[in-house]
PDB file of N, CA and C in Angstrom:
ATOM      1  N   UNK A   1      -5.857  10.683  14.354  1.00  0.00           N
ATOM      2  CA  UNK A   1      -6.572   9.596  13.722  1.00  0.00           C
ATOM      3  C   UNK A   1      -6.354   8.328  14.529  1.00  0.00           C
ATOM      4  N   UNK A   2      -7.432   7.594  14.801  1.00  0.00           N
ATOM      5  CA  UNK A   2      -7.258   6.337  15.524  1.00  0.00           C
ATOM      6  C   UNK A   2      -7.011   5.199  14.543  1.00  0.00           C
ATOM      7  N   UNK A   3      -6.650   4.047  15.053  1.00  0.00           N
ATOM      8  CA  UNK A   3      -6.280   2.920  14.213  1.00  0.00           C
ATOM      9  C   UNK A   3      -7.484   2.142  13.702  1.00  0.00           C
ATOM     10  N   UNK A   4      -8.665   2.598  13.941  1.00  0.00           N
ATOM     11  CA  UNK A   4      -9.852   1.887  13.503  1.00  0.00           C
ATOM     12  C   UNK A   4     -10.334   0.958  14.604  1.00  0.00           C
ATOM     13  N   UNK A   5     -11.613   0.764  14.644  1.00  0.00           N
ATOM     14  CA  UNK A   5     -12.168  -0.097  15.691  1.00  0.00           C
ATOM     15  C   UNK A   5     -12.104  -1.552  15.254  1.00  0.00           C
ATOM     16  N   UNK A   6     -12.269  -2.438  16.227  1.00  0.00           N
ATOM     17  CA  UNK A   6     -12.261  -3.869  15.937  1.00  0.00           C
ATOM     18  C   UNK A   6     -13.474  -4.281  15.107  1.00  0.00           C
ATOM     19  N   UNK A   7     -14.493  -3.436  15.046  1.00  0.00           N
ATOM     20  CA  UNK A   7     -15.690  -3.774  14.280  1.00  0.00           C
ATOM     21  C   UNK A   7     -15.586  -3.340  12.829  1.00  0.00           C
ATOM     22  N   UNK A   8     -14.596  -2.516  12.503  1.00  0.00           N
ATOM     23  CA  UNK A   8     -14.416  -2.080  11.121  1.00  0.00           C
ATOM     24  C   UNK A   8     -13.685  -3.163  10.334  1.00  0.00           C
ATOM     25  N   UNK A   9     -14.120  -3.377   9.094  1.00  0.00           N
ATOM     26  CA  UNK A   9     -13.377  -4.284   8.215  1.00  0.00           C
ATOM     27  C   UNK A   9     -12.075  -3.598   7.804  1.00  0.00           C
ATOM     28  N   UNK A  10     -11.135  -4.387   7.338  1.00  0.00           N
ATOM     29  CA  UNK A  10      -9.866  -3.812   6.862  1.00  0.00           C
ATOM     30  C   UNK A  10     -10.132  -2.867   5.690  1.00  0.00           C
ATOM     31  N   UNK A  11     -11.096  -3.202   4.852  1.00  0.00           N
ATOM     32  CA  UNK A  11     -11.459  -2.307   3.750  1.00  0.00           C
ATOM     33  C   UNK A  11     -11.932  -0.957   4.254  1.00  0.00           C
ATOM     34  N   UNK A  12     -12.730  -0.969   5.321  1.00  0.00           N
ATOM     35  CA  UNK A  12     -13.197   0.288   5.906  1.00  0.00           C
ATOM     36  C   UNK A  12     -12.049   1.070   6.529  1.00  0.00           C
ATOM     37  N   UNK A  13     -11.119   0.361   7.172  1.00  0.00           N
ATOM     38  CA  UNK A  13      -9.953   1.027   7.763  1.00  0.00           C
ATOM     39  C   UNK A  13      -9.097   1.646   6.661  1.00  0.00           C
ATOM     40  N   UNK A  14      -8.864   0.896   5.589  1.00  0.00           N
ATOM     41  CA  UNK A  14      -8.098   1.440   4.467  1.00  0.00           C
ATOM     42  C   UNK A  14      -8.773   2.684   3.903  1.00  0.00           C
ATOM     43  N   UNK A  15     -10.083   2.639   3.753  1.00  0.00           N
ATOM     44  CA  UNK A  15     -10.802   3.799   3.216  1.00  0.00           C
ATOM     45  C   UNK A  15     -10.667   5.003   4.147  1.00  0.00           C
ATOM     46  N   UNK A  16     -10.736   4.756   5.450  1.00  0.00           N
ATOM     47  CA  UNK A  16     -10.582   5.850   6.419  1.00  0.00           C
ATOM     48  C   UNK A  16      -9.183   6.463   6.315  1.00  0.00           C
ATOM     49  N   UNK A  17      -8.167   5.622   6.188  1.00  0.00           N
ATOM     50  CA  UNK A  17      -6.796   6.135   6.055  1.00  0.00           C
ATOM     51  C   UNK A  17      -6.657   6.907   4.743  1.00  0.00           C
ATOM     52  N   UNK A  18      -7.215   6.358   3.666  1.00  0.00           N
ATOM     53  CA  UNK A  18      -7.144   7.024   2.366  1.00  0.00           C
ATOM     54  C   UNK A  18      -7.818   8.395   2.412  1.00  0.00           C
ATOM     55  N   UNK A  19      -8.980   8.459   3.042  1.00  0.00           N
ATOM     56  CA  UNK A  19      -9.684   9.739   3.184  1.00  0.00           C
ATOM     57  C   UNK A  19      -8.880  10.721   4.025  1.00  0.00           C
ATOM     58  N   UNK A  20      -8.251  10.213   5.076  1.00  0.00           N
ATOM     59  CA  UNK A  20      -7.416  11.046   5.939  1.00  0.00           C
ATOM     60  C   UNK A  20      -6.244  11.634   5.148  1.00  0.00           C
ATOM     61  N   UNK A  21      -5.623  10.809   4.288  1.00  0.00           N
ATOM     62  CA  UNK A  21      -4.508  11.299   3.464  1.00  0.00           C
ATOM     63  C   UNK A  21      -5.000  12.428   2.553  1.00  0.00           C
ATOM     64  N   UNK A  22      -6.131  12.213   1.884  1.00  0.00           N
ATOM     65  CA  UNK A  22      -6.648  13.238   0.972  1.00  0.00           C
ATOM     66  C   UNK A  22      -7.030  14.520   1.698  1.00  0.00           C
ATOM     67  N   UNK A  23      -7.509  14.396   2.926  1.00  0.00           N
ATOM     68  CA  UNK A  23      -7.962  15.573   3.677  1.00  0.00           C
ATOM     69  C   UNK A  23      -6.836  16.275   4.426  1.00  0.00           C
ATOM     70  N   UNK A  24      -5.634  15.698   4.405  1.00  0.00           N
ATOM     71  CA  UNK A  24      -4.528  16.311   5.144  1.00  0.00           C
ATOM     72  C   UNK A  24      -4.223  17.697   4.595  1.00  0.00           C
ATOM     73  N   UNK A  25      -3.676  18.532   5.442  1.00  0.00           N
ATOM     74  CA  UNK A  25      -3.425  19.925   5.062  1.00  0.00           C
ATOM     75  C   UNK A  25      -2.580  20.035   3.793  1.00  0.00           C
ATOM     76  N   UNK A  26      -1.575  19.176   3.661  1.00  0.00           N
ATOM     77  CA  UNK A  26      -0.694  19.270   2.488  1.00  0.00           C
ATOM     78  C   UNK A  26      -1.369  18.795   1.205  1.00  0.00           C
ATOM     79  N   UNK A  27      -2.446  18.037   1.309  1.00  0.00           N
ATOM     80  CA  UNK A  27      -3.109  17.522   0.109  1.00  0.00           C
ATOM     81  C   UNK A  27      -4.389  18.256  -0.263  1.00  0.00           C
ATOM     82  N   UNK A  28      -4.966  19.000   0.645  1.00  0.00           N
ATOM     83  CA  UNK A  28      -6.252  19.651   0.368  1.00  0.00           C
ATOM     84  C   UNK A  28      -6.205  20.558  -0.854  1.00  0.00           C
ATOM     85  N   UNK A  29      -5.074  21.210  -1.094  1.00  0.00           N
ATOM     86  CA  UNK A  29      -4.996  22.156  -2.209  1.00  0.00           C
ATOM     87  C   UNK A  29      -4.558  21.496  -3.520  1.00  0.00           C
ATOM     88  N   UNK A  30      -4.196  20.218  -3.470  1.00  0.00           N
ATOM     89  CA  UNK A  30      -3.738  19.543  -4.691  1.00  0.00           C
ATOM     90  C   UNK A  30      -4.921  19.147  -5.566  1.00  0.00           C
ATOM     91  N   UNK A  31      -4.688  19.171  -6.880  1.00  0.00           N
ATOM     92  CA  UNK A  31      -5.768  18.736  -7.767  1.00  0.00           C
ATOM     93  C   UNK A  31      -5.815  17.208  -7.817  1.00  0.00           C
ATOM     94  N   UNK A  32      -6.870  16.682  -8.406  1.00  0.00           N
ATOM     95  CA  UNK A  32      -7.128  15.233  -8.407  1.00  0.00           C
ATOM     96  C   UNK A  32      -5.990  14.452  -9.067  1.00  0.00           C
ATOM     97  N   UNK A  33      -5.452  14.981 -10.152  1.00  0.00           N
ATOM     98  CA  UNK A  33      -4.376  14.268 -10.839  1.00  0.00           C
ATOM     99  C   UNK A  33      -3.116  14.202  -9.975  1.00  0.00           C
ATOM    100  N   UNK A  34      -2.787  15.284  -9.298  1.00  0.00           N
ATOM    101  CA  UNK A  34      -1.615  15.288  -8.416  1.00  0.00           C
ATOM    102  C   UNK A  34      -1.791  14.289  -7.274  1.00  0.00           C
ATOM    103  N   UNK A  35      -3.002  14.209  -6.740  1.00  0.00           N
ATOM    104  CA  UNK A  35      -3.260  13.243  -5.668  1.00  0.00           C
ATOM    105  C   UNK A  35      -3.080  11.817  -6.166  1.00  0.00           C
ATOM    106  N   UNK A  36      -3.569  11.531  -7.364  1.00  0.00           N
ATOM    107  CA  UNK A  36      -3.415  10.187  -7.922  1.00  0.00           C
ATOM    108  C   UNK A  36      -1.946   9.857  -8.169  1.00  0.00           C
ATOM    109  N   UNK A  37      -1.210  10.793  -8.752  1.00  0.00           N
ATOM    110  CA  UNK A  37       0.217  10.582  -8.978  1.00  0.00           C
ATOM    111  C   UNK A  37       0.952  10.315  -7.672  1.00  0.00           C
ATOM    112  N   UNK A  38       0.610  11.054  -6.635  1.00  0.00           N
ATOM    113  CA  UNK A  38       1.321  10.862  -5.367  1.00  0.00           C
ATOM    114  C   UNK A  38       1.028   9.494  -4.778  1.00  0.00           C
ATOM    115  N   UNK A  39      -0.193   8.993  -4.933  1.00  0.00           N
ATOM    116  CA  UNK A  39      -0.527   7.667  -4.411  1.00  0.00           C
ATOM    117  C   UNK A  39       0.258   6.580  -5.140  1.00  0.00           C
ATOM    118  N   UNK A  40       0.320   6.685  -6.455  1.00  0.00           N
ATOM    119  CA  UNK A  40       1.040   5.681  -7.247  1.00  0.00           C
ATOM    120  C   UNK A  40       2.542   5.782  -6.999  1.00  0.00           C
ATOM    121  N   UNK A  41       3.065   6.986  -6.914  1.00  0.00           N
ATOM    122  CA  UNK A  41       4.496   7.171  -6.647  1.00  0.00           C
ATOM    123  C   UNK A  41       4.878   6.605  -5.278  1.00  0.00           C
ATOM    124  N   UNK A  42       3.979   6.694  -4.317  1.00  0.00           N
ATOM    125  CA  UNK A  42       4.250   6.162  -2.976  1.00  0.00           C
ATOM    126  C   UNK A  42       4.496   4.657  -3.028  1.00  0.00           C
ATOM    127  N   UNK A  43       3.802   3.949  -3.901  1.00  0.00           N
ATOM    128  CA  UNK A  43       4.020   2.511  -4.054  1.00  0.00           C
ATOM    129  C   UNK A  43       5.462   2.261  -4.499  1.00  0.00           C
ATOM    130  N   UNK A  44       5.931   3.033  -5.463  1.00  0.00           N
ATOM    131  CA  UNK A  44       7.312   2.892  -5.934  1.00  0.00           C
ATOM    132  C   UNK A  44       8.327   3.224  -4.863  1.00  0.00           C
ATOM    133  N   UNK A  45       8.042   4.251  -4.091  1.00  0.00           N
ATOM    134  CA  UNK A  45       8.951   4.627  -3.000  1.00  0.00           C
ATOM    135  C   UNK A  45       9.053   3.503  -1.981  1.00  0.00           C
ATOM    136  N   UNK A  46       7.919   2.918  -1.635  1.00  0.00           N
ATOM    137  CA  UNK A  46       7.919   1.811  -0.676  1.00  0.00           C
ATOM    138  C   UNK A  46       8.653   0.595  -1.240  1.00  0.00           C
ATOM    139  N   UNK A  47       8.511   0.338  -2.536  1.00  0.00           N
ATOM    140  CA  UNK A  47       9.222  -0.785  -3.162  1.00  0.00           C
ATOM    141  C   UNK A  47      10.738  -0.594  -3.054  1.00  0.00           C
ATOM    142  N   UNK A  48      11.192   0.626  -3.195  1.00  0.00           N
ATOM    143  CA  UNK A  48      12.618   0.908  -3.023  1.00  0.00           C
ATOM    144  C   UNK A  48      13.082   0.604  -1.613  1.00  0.00           C
ATOM    145  N   UNK A  49      12.219   0.845  -0.640  1.00  0.00           N
ATOM    146  CA  UNK A  49      12.580   0.547   0.745  1.00  0.00           C
ATOM    147  C   UNK A  49      12.675  -0.958   0.989  1.00  0.00           C
ATOM    148  N   UNK A  50      11.888  -1.753   0.259  1.00  0.00           N
ATOM    149  CA  UNK A  50      12.002  -3.215   0.362  1.00  0.00           C
ATOM    150  C   UNK A  50      13.382  -3.649  -0.105  1.00  0.00           C
ATOM    151  N   UNK A  51      13.804  -3.129  -1.227  1.00  0.00           N
ATOM    152  CA  UNK A  51      15.111  -3.484  -1.773  1.00  0.00           C
ATOM    153  C   UNK A  51      16.211  -3.088  -0.796  1.00  0.00           C
ATOM    154  N   UNK A  52      16.123  -1.895  -0.238  1.00  0.00           N
ATOM    155  CA  UNK A  52      17.133  -1.447   0.730  1.00  0.00           C
ATOM    156  C   UNK A  52      17.150  -2.349   1.956  1.00  0.00           C
ATOM    157  N   UNK A  53      15.967  -2.761   2.416  1.00  0.00           N
ATOM    158  CA  UNK A  53      15.896  -3.656   3.586  1.00  0.00           C
ATOM    159  C   UNK A  53      16.489  -5.021   3.272  1.00  0.00           C
ATOM    160  N   UNK A  54      16.260  -5.526   2.074  1.00  0.00           N
ATOM    161  CA  UNK A  54      16.819  -6.827   1.696  1.00  0.00           C
ATOM    162  C   UNK A  54      18.340  -6.752   1.581  1.00  0.00           C
ATOM    163  N   UNK A  55      18.833  -5.690   0.984  1.00  0.00           N
ATOM    164  CA  UNK A  55      20.288  -5.495   0.905  1.00  0.00           C
ATOM    165  C   UNK A  55      20.879  -5.471   2.305  1.00  0.00           C
ATOM    166  N   UNK A  56      20.225  -4.777   3.215  1.00  0.00           N
ATOM    167  CA  UNK A  56      20.706  -4.709   4.591  1.00  0.00           C
ATOM    168  C   UNK A  56      20.636  -6.043   5.296  1.00  0.00           C
ATOM    169  N   UNK A  57      19.541  -6.764   5.119  1.00  0.00           N
ATOM    170  CA  UNK A  57      19.366  -8.046   5.803  1.00  0.00           C
ATOM    171  C   UNK A  57      20.354  -9.097   5.305  1.00  0.00           C
ATOM    172  N   UNK A  58      20.708  -9.022   4.028  1.00  0.00           N
ATOM    173  CA  UNK A  58      21.640  -9.996   3.455  1.00  0.00           C
ATOM    174  C   UNK A  58      23.096  -9.555   3.565  1.00  0.00           C
ATOM    175  N   UNK A  59      23.310  -8.331   4.019  1.00  0.00           N
ATOM    176  CA  UNK A  59      24.674  -7.815   4.111  1.00  0.00           C
ATOM    177  C   UNK A  59      25.304  -7.617   2.743  1.00  0.00           C
ATOM    178  N   UNK A  60      24.487  -7.301   1.749  1.00  0.00           N
ATOM    179  CA  UNK A  60      24.966  -7.178   0.375  1.00  0.00           C
ATOM    180  C   UNK A  60      25.742  -5.897   0.104  1.00  0.00           C
ATOM    181  N   UNK A  61      25.799  -5.009   1.061  1.00  0.00           N
ATOM    182  CA  UNK A  61      26.607  -3.798   0.930  1.00  0.00           C
ATOM    183  C   UNK A  61      27.805  -3.972   1.860  1.00  0.00           C
ATOM    184  N   UNK A  62      28.987  -4.279   1.289  1.00  0.00           N
ATOM    185  CA  UNK A  62      30.150  -4.553   2.139  1.00  0.00           C
ATOM    186  C   UNK A  62      30.534  -3.388   3.053  1.00  0.00           C
ATOM    187  N   UNK A  63      30.224  -2.190   2.648  1.00  0.00           N
ATOM    188  CA  UNK A  63      30.547  -1.027   3.471  1.00  0.00           C
ATOM    189  C   UNK A  63      29.721  -0.998   4.748  1.00  0.00           C
ATOM    190  N   UNK A  64      28.476  -1.476   4.677  1.00  0.00           N
ATOM    191  CA  UNK A  64      27.588  -1.422   5.834  1.00  0.00           C
ATOM    192  C   UNK A  64      27.461  -2.754   6.565  1.00  0.00           C
ATOM    193  N   UNK A  65      27.692  -3.858   5.866  1.00  0.00           N
ATOM    194  CA  UNK A  65      27.507  -5.164   6.486  1.00  0.00           C
ATOM    195  C   UNK A  65      26.030  -5.470   6.675  1.00  0.00           C
ATOM    196  N   UNK A  66      25.727  -6.372   7.600  1.00  0.00           N
ATOM    197  CA  UNK A  66      24.350  -6.757   7.871  1.00  0.00           C
ATOM    198  C   UNK A  66      23.711  -5.704   8.770  1.00  0.00           C
ATOM    199  N   UNK A  67      22.662  -5.109   8.270  1.00  0.00           N
ATOM    200  CA  UNK A  67      21.886  -4.148   9.060  1.00  0.00           C
ATOM    201  C   UNK A  67      20.426  -4.521   8.896  1.00  0.00           C
ATOM    202  N   UNK A  68      19.812  -4.967   9.943  1.00  0.00           N
ATOM    203  CA  UNK A  68      18.424  -5.391   9.885  1.00  0.00           C
ATOM    204  C   UNK A  68      18.315  -6.892   9.668  1.00  0.00           C
ATOM    205  N   UNK A  69      17.078  -7.327   9.477  1.00  0.00           N
ATOM    206  CA  UNK A  69      16.824  -8.751   9.285  1.00  0.00           C
ATOM    207  C   UNK A  69      15.646  -8.925   8.336  1.00  0.00           C
ATOM    208  N   UNK A  70      15.270 -10.171   8.099  1.00  0.00           N
ATOM    209  CA  UNK A  70      14.182 -10.428   7.162  1.00  0.00           C
ATOM    210  C   UNK A  70      12.833  -9.925   7.688  1.00  0.00           C
ATOM    211  N   UNK A  71      12.718  -9.732   8.989  1.00  0.00           N
ATOM    212  CA  UNK A  71      11.511  -9.106   9.534  1.00  0.00           C
ATOM    213  C   UNK A  71      11.349  -7.692   9.000  1.00  0.00           C
ATOM    214  N   UNK A  72      12.461  -6.982   8.824  1.00  0.00           N
ATOM    215  CA  UNK A  72      12.412  -5.641   8.240  1.00  0.00           C
ATOM    216  C   UNK A  72      11.920  -5.712   6.791  1.00  0.00           C
ATOM    217  N   UNK A  73      12.374  -6.730   6.068  1.00  0.00           N
ATOM    218  CA  UNK A  73      11.939  -6.913   4.679  1.00  0.00           C
ATOM    219  C   UNK A  73      10.435  -7.165   4.647  1.00  0.00           C
ATOM    220  N   UNK A  74       9.961  -8.031   5.545  1.00  0.00           N
ATOM    221  CA  UNK A  74       8.532  -8.321   5.593  1.00  0.00           C
ATOM    222  C   UNK A  74       7.721  -7.063   5.880  1.00  0.00           C
ATOM    223  N   UNK A  75       8.145  -6.264   6.842  1.00  0.00           N
ATOM    224  CA  UNK A  75       7.416  -5.032   7.165  1.00  0.00           C
ATOM    225  C   UNK A  75       7.393  -4.081   5.971  1.00  0.00           C
ATOM    226  N   UNK A  76       8.504  -3.995   5.264  1.00  0.00           N
ATOM    227  CA  UNK A  76       8.541  -3.118   4.083  1.00  0.00           C
ATOM    228  C   UNK A  76       7.638  -3.656   2.980  1.00  0.00           C
ATOM    229  N   UNK A  77       7.589  -4.978   2.806  1.00  0.00           N
ATOM    230  CA  UNK A  77       6.678  -5.559   1.818  1.00  0.00           C
ATOM    231  C   UNK A  77       5.225  -5.243   2.166  1.00  0.00           C
ATOM    232  N   UNK A  78       4.909  -5.317   3.449  1.00  0.00           N
ATOM    233  CA  UNK A  78       3.551  -4.975   3.883  1.00  0.00           C
ATOM    234  C   UNK A  78       3.260  -3.495   3.658  1.00  0.00           C
ATOM    235  N   UNK A  79       4.271  -2.644   3.800  1.00  0.00           N
ATOM    236  CA  UNK A  79       4.089  -1.219   3.486  1.00  0.00           C
ATOM    237  C   UNK A  79       3.776  -1.035   2.000  1.00  0.00           C
ATOM    238  N   UNK A  80       4.425  -1.828   1.126  1.00  0.00           N
ATOM    239  CA  UNK A  80       4.132  -1.760  -0.313  1.00  0.00           C
ATOM    240  C   UNK A  80       2.681  -2.154  -0.559  1.00  0.00           C
ATOM    241  N   UNK A  81       2.266  -3.267   0.063  1.00  0.00           N
ATOM    242  CA  UNK A  81       0.893  -3.736  -0.122  1.00  0.00           C
ATOM    243  C   UNK A  81      -0.105  -2.690   0.375  1.00  0.00           C
ATOM    244  N   UNK A  82       0.180  -2.108   1.521  1.00  0.00           N
ATOM    245  CA  UNK A  82      -0.718  -1.092   2.078  1.00  0.00           C
ATOM    246  C   UNK A  82      -0.789   0.124   1.167  1.00  0.00           C
ATOM    247  N   UNK A  83       0.366   0.595   0.705  1.00  0.00           N
ATOM    248  CA  UNK A  83       0.383   1.753  -0.194  1.00  0.00           C
ATOM    249  C   UNK A  83      -0.392   1.452  -1.473  1.00  0.00           C
ATOM    250  N   UNK A  84      -0.241   0.240  -2.007  1.00  0.00           N
ATOM    251  CA  UNK A  84      -0.960  -0.128  -3.222  1.00  0.00           C
ATOM    252  C   UNK A  84      -2.467  -0.168  -2.977  1.00  0.00           C
ATOM    253  N   UNK A  85      -2.870  -0.749  -1.853  1.00  0.00           N
ATOM    254  CA  UNK A  85      -4.301  -0.812  -1.542  1.00  0.00           C
ATOM    255  C   UNK A  85      -4.879   0.581  -1.288  1.00  0.00           C
ATOM    256  N   UNK A  86      -4.101   1.454  -0.676  1.00  0.00           N
ATOM    257  CA  UNK A  86      -4.555   2.838  -0.482  1.00  0.00           C
ATOM    258  C   UNK A  86      -4.699   3.544  -1.826  1.00  0.00           C
ATOM    259  N   UNK A  87      -3.807   3.266  -2.760  1.00  0.00           N
ATOM    260  CA  UNK A  87      -3.912   3.848  -4.101  1.00  0.00           C
ATOM    261  C   UNK A  87      -5.155   3.325  -4.817  1.00  0.00           C
ATOM    262  N   UNK A  88      -5.432   2.029  -4.673  1.00  0.00           N
ATOM    263  CA  UNK A  88      -6.638   1.455  -5.279  1.00  0.00           C
ATOM    264  C   UNK A  88      -7.887   2.093  -4.677  1.00  0.00           C
ATOM    265  N   UNK A  89      -7.918   2.238  -3.352  1.00  0.00           N
ATOM    266  CA  UNK A  89      -9.066   2.873  -2.710  1.00  0.00           C
ATOM    267  C   UNK A  89      -9.263   4.286  -3.244  1.00  0.00           C
ATOM    268  N   UNK A  90      -8.182   5.038  -3.337  1.00  0.00           N
ATOM    269  CA  UNK A  90      -8.257   6.411  -3.842  1.00  0.00           C
ATOM    270  C   UNK A  90      -8.797   6.418  -5.272  1.00  0.00           C
ATOM    271  N   UNK A  91      -8.266   5.527  -6.102  1.00  0.00           N
ATOM    272  CA  UNK A  91      -8.670   5.464  -7.505  1.00  0.00           C
ATOM    273  C   UNK A  91     -10.150   5.103  -7.630  1.00  0.00           C
ATOM    274  N   UNK A  92     -10.585   4.105  -6.874  1.00  0.00           N
ATOM    275  CA  UNK A  92     -11.992   3.682  -6.933  1.00  0.00           C
ATOM    276  C   UNK A  92     -12.917   4.783  -6.405  1.00  0.00           C
ATOM    277  N   UNK A  93     -12.528   5.433  -5.323  1.00  0.00           N
ATOM    278  CA  UNK A  93     -13.335   6.517  -4.768  1.00  0.00           C
ATOM    279  C   UNK A  93     -13.441   7.657  -5.771  1.00  0.00           C
ATOM    280  N   UNK A  94     -12.318   7.989  -6.377  1.00  0.00           N
ATOM    281  CA  UNK A  94     -12.272   9.077  -7.363  1.00  0.00           C
ATOM    282  C   UNK A  94     -13.181   8.775  -8.548  1.00  0.00           C
ATOM    283  N   UNK A  95     -13.231   7.486  -8.945  1.00  0.00           N
ATOM    284  CA  UNK A  95     -14.046   7.092 -10.091  1.00  0.00           C
ATOM    285  C   UNK A  95     -15.500   6.819  -9.710  1.00  0.00           C
ATOM    286  N   UNK A  96     -15.810   6.900  -8.411  1.00  0.00           N
ATOM    287  CA  UNK A  96     -17.165   6.638  -7.963  1.00  0.00           C
ATOM    288  C   UNK A  96     -17.557   5.173  -8.063  1.00  0.00           C
ATOM    289  N   UNK A  97     -16.569   4.279  -8.043  1.00  0.00           N
ATOM    290  CA  UNK A  97     -16.847   2.847  -8.146  1.00  0.00           C
ATOM    291  C   UNK A  97     -17.287   2.276  -6.806  1.00  0.00           C
ATOM    292  N   UNK A  98     -18.217   1.346  -6.848  1.00  0.00           N
ATOM    293  CA  UNK A  98     -18.652   0.716  -5.596  1.00  0.00           C
ATOM    294  C   UNK A  98     -17.605  -0.256  -5.075  1.00  0.00           C
ATOM    295  N   UNK A  99     -17.743  -0.633  -3.829  1.00  0.00           N
ATOM    296  CA  UNK A  99     -16.834  -1.601  -3.240  1.00  0.00           C
ATOM    297  C   UNK A  99     -15.597  -0.939  -2.689  1.00  0.00           C
ATOM    298  N   UNK A 100     -14.764  -1.738  -2.061  1.00  0.00           N
ATOM    299  CA  UNK A 100     -13.559  -1.171  -1.466  1.00  0.00           C
ATOM    300  C   UNK A 100     -12.315  -1.870  -1.996  1.00  0.00           C
ATOM    301  N   UNK A 101     -11.181  -1.399  -1.584  1.00  0.00           N
ATOM    302  CA  UNK A 101      -9.909  -1.910  -2.084  1.00  0.00           C
ATOM    303  C   UNK A 101      -9.715  -3.382  -1.738  1.00  0.00           C
ATOM    304  N   UNK A 102     -10.147  -3.803  -0.562  1.00  0.00           N
ATOM    305  CA  UNK A 102      -9.972  -5.210  -0.186  1.00  0.00           C
ATOM    306  C   UNK A 102     -10.838  -6.113  -1.045  1.00  0.00           C
ATOM    307  N   UNK A 103     -12.038  -5.663  -1.406  1.00  0.00           N
ATOM    308  CA  UNK A 103     -12.872  -6.446  -2.317  1.00  0.00           C
ATOM    309  C   UNK A 103     -12.207  -6.557  -3.682  1.00  0.00           C
ATOM    310  N   UNK A 104     -11.650  -5.461  -4.158  1.00  0.00           N
ATOM    311  CA  UNK A 104     -10.944  -5.478  -5.437  1.00  0.00           C
ATOM    312  C   UNK A 104      -9.735  -6.401  -5.362  1.00  0.00           C
ATOM    313  N   UNK A 105      -9.019  -6.361  -4.243  1.00  0.00           N
ATOM    314  CA  UNK A 105      -7.849  -7.228  -4.058  1.00  0.00           C
ATOM    315  C   UNK A 105      -8.260  -8.697  -4.048  1.00  0.00           C
ATOM    316  N   UNK A 106      -9.348  -9.006  -3.365  1.00  0.00           N
ATOM    317  CA  UNK A 106      -9.819 -10.394  -3.313  1.00  0.00           C
ATOM    318  C   UNK A 106     -10.186 -10.885  -4.713  1.00  0.00           C
ATOM    319  N   UNK A 107     -10.930 -10.082  -5.464  1.00  0.00           N
ATOM    320  CA  UNK A 107     -11.300 -10.454  -6.833  1.00  0.00           C
ATOM    321  C   UNK A 107     -10.056 -10.673  -7.690  1.00  0.00           C
ATOM    322  N   UNK A 108      -9.105  -9.768  -7.573  1.00  0.00           N
ATOM    323  CA  UNK A 108      -7.881  -9.861  -8.364  1.00  0.00           C
ATOM    324  C   UNK A 108      -7.077 -11.109  -7.984  1.00  0.00           C
ATOM    325  N   UNK A 109      -6.952 -11.367  -6.687  1.00  0.00           N
ATOM    326  CA  UNK A 109      -6.194 -12.529  -6.225  1.00  0.00           C
ATOM    327  C   UNK A 109      -6.834 -13.820  -6.711  1.00  0.00           C
ATOM    328  N   UNK A 110      -8.152 -13.897  -6.671  1.00  0.00           N
ATOM    329  CA  UNK A 110      -8.845 -15.090  -7.180  1.00  0.00           C
ATOM    330  C   UNK A 110      -8.615 -15.263  -8.675  1.00  0.00           C
ATOM    331  N   UNK A 111      -8.604 -14.171  -9.431  1.00  0.00           N
ATOM    332  CA  UNK A 111      -8.339 -14.248 -10.869  1.00  0.00           C
ATOM    333  C   UNK A 111      -6.916 -14.723 -11.134  1.00  0.00           C
ATOM    334  N   UNK A 112      -5.959 -14.226 -10.354  1.00  0.00           N
ATOM    335  CA  UNK A 112      -4.566 -14.670 -10.500  1.00  0.00           C
ATOM    336  C   UNK A 112      -4.457 -16.165 -10.188  1.00  0.00           C
ATOM    337  N   UNK A 113      -5.111 -16.583  -9.111  1.00  0.00           N
ATOM    338  CA  UNK A 113      -5.086 -18.008  -8.727  1.00  0.00           C
ATOM    339  C   UNK A 113      -5.704 -18.874  -9.817  1.00  0.00           C
ATOM    340  N   UNK A 114      -6.776 -18.394 -10.425  1.00  0.00           N
ATOM    341  CA  UNK A 114      -7.415 -19.160 -11.503  1.00  0.00           C
ATOM    342  C   UNK A 114      -6.478 -19.291 -12.700  1.00  0.00           C
ATOM    343  N   UNK A 115      -5.793 -18.196 -13.051  1.00  0.00           N
ATOM    344  CA  UNK A 115      -4.844 -18.255 -14.164  1.00  0.00           C
ATOM    345  C   UNK A 115      -3.698 -19.214 -13.852  1.00  0.00           C
ATOM    346  N   UNK A 116      -3.312 -19.264 -12.581  1.00  0.00           N
ATOM    347  CA  UNK A 116      -2.215 -20.143 -12.169  1.00  0.00           C
ATOM    348  C   UNK A 116      -2.709 -21.559 -11.889  1.00  0.00           C
ATOM    349  N   UNK A 117      -4.014 -21.756 -12.027  1.00  0.00           N
ATOM    350  CA  UNK A 117      -4.646 -23.030 -11.714  1.00  0.00           C
ATOM    351  C   UNK A 117      -4.309 -23.452 -10.284  1.00  0.00           C
ATOM    352  N   UNK A 118      -4.297 -22.457  -9.382  1.00  0.00           N
ATOM    353  CA  UNK A 118      -3.965 -22.702  -7.982  1.00  0.00           C
ATOM    354  C   UNK A 118      -5.168 -22.527  -7.074  1.00  0.00           C
ATOM    355  N   UNK A 119      -6.297 -22.157  -7.633  1.00  0.00           N
ATOM    356  CA  UNK A 119      -7.426 -21.846  -6.785  1.00  0.00           C
ATOM    357  C   UNK A 119      -8.596 -22.729  -6.935  1.00  0.00           C
TER     358      UNK A 119
END
């Protein structure tokens, strides 16, 4: 799988990755509910990695000391965001909804900003 062309929107790239995950050999035989559960569970798994990276960057585990830096935390946070957007793409595709995950994210972010009176 390539990383997507420069002409593809991020939403299109996310959809391509999401489709690739569903079509992978290990997922082809899974039913729709199992695929959805795995996408949502992946978000939780990635969130755990953020916590581990922060503990390492802050040296909060005296046995290990400082391992990594805040750049590692940022990369793990981006992995959480990516996993969540891939789950949204999968969910929307499964439901036959129009639009892509980035459009849904933009709408949601604007709604959050409006509630916070920040937008």
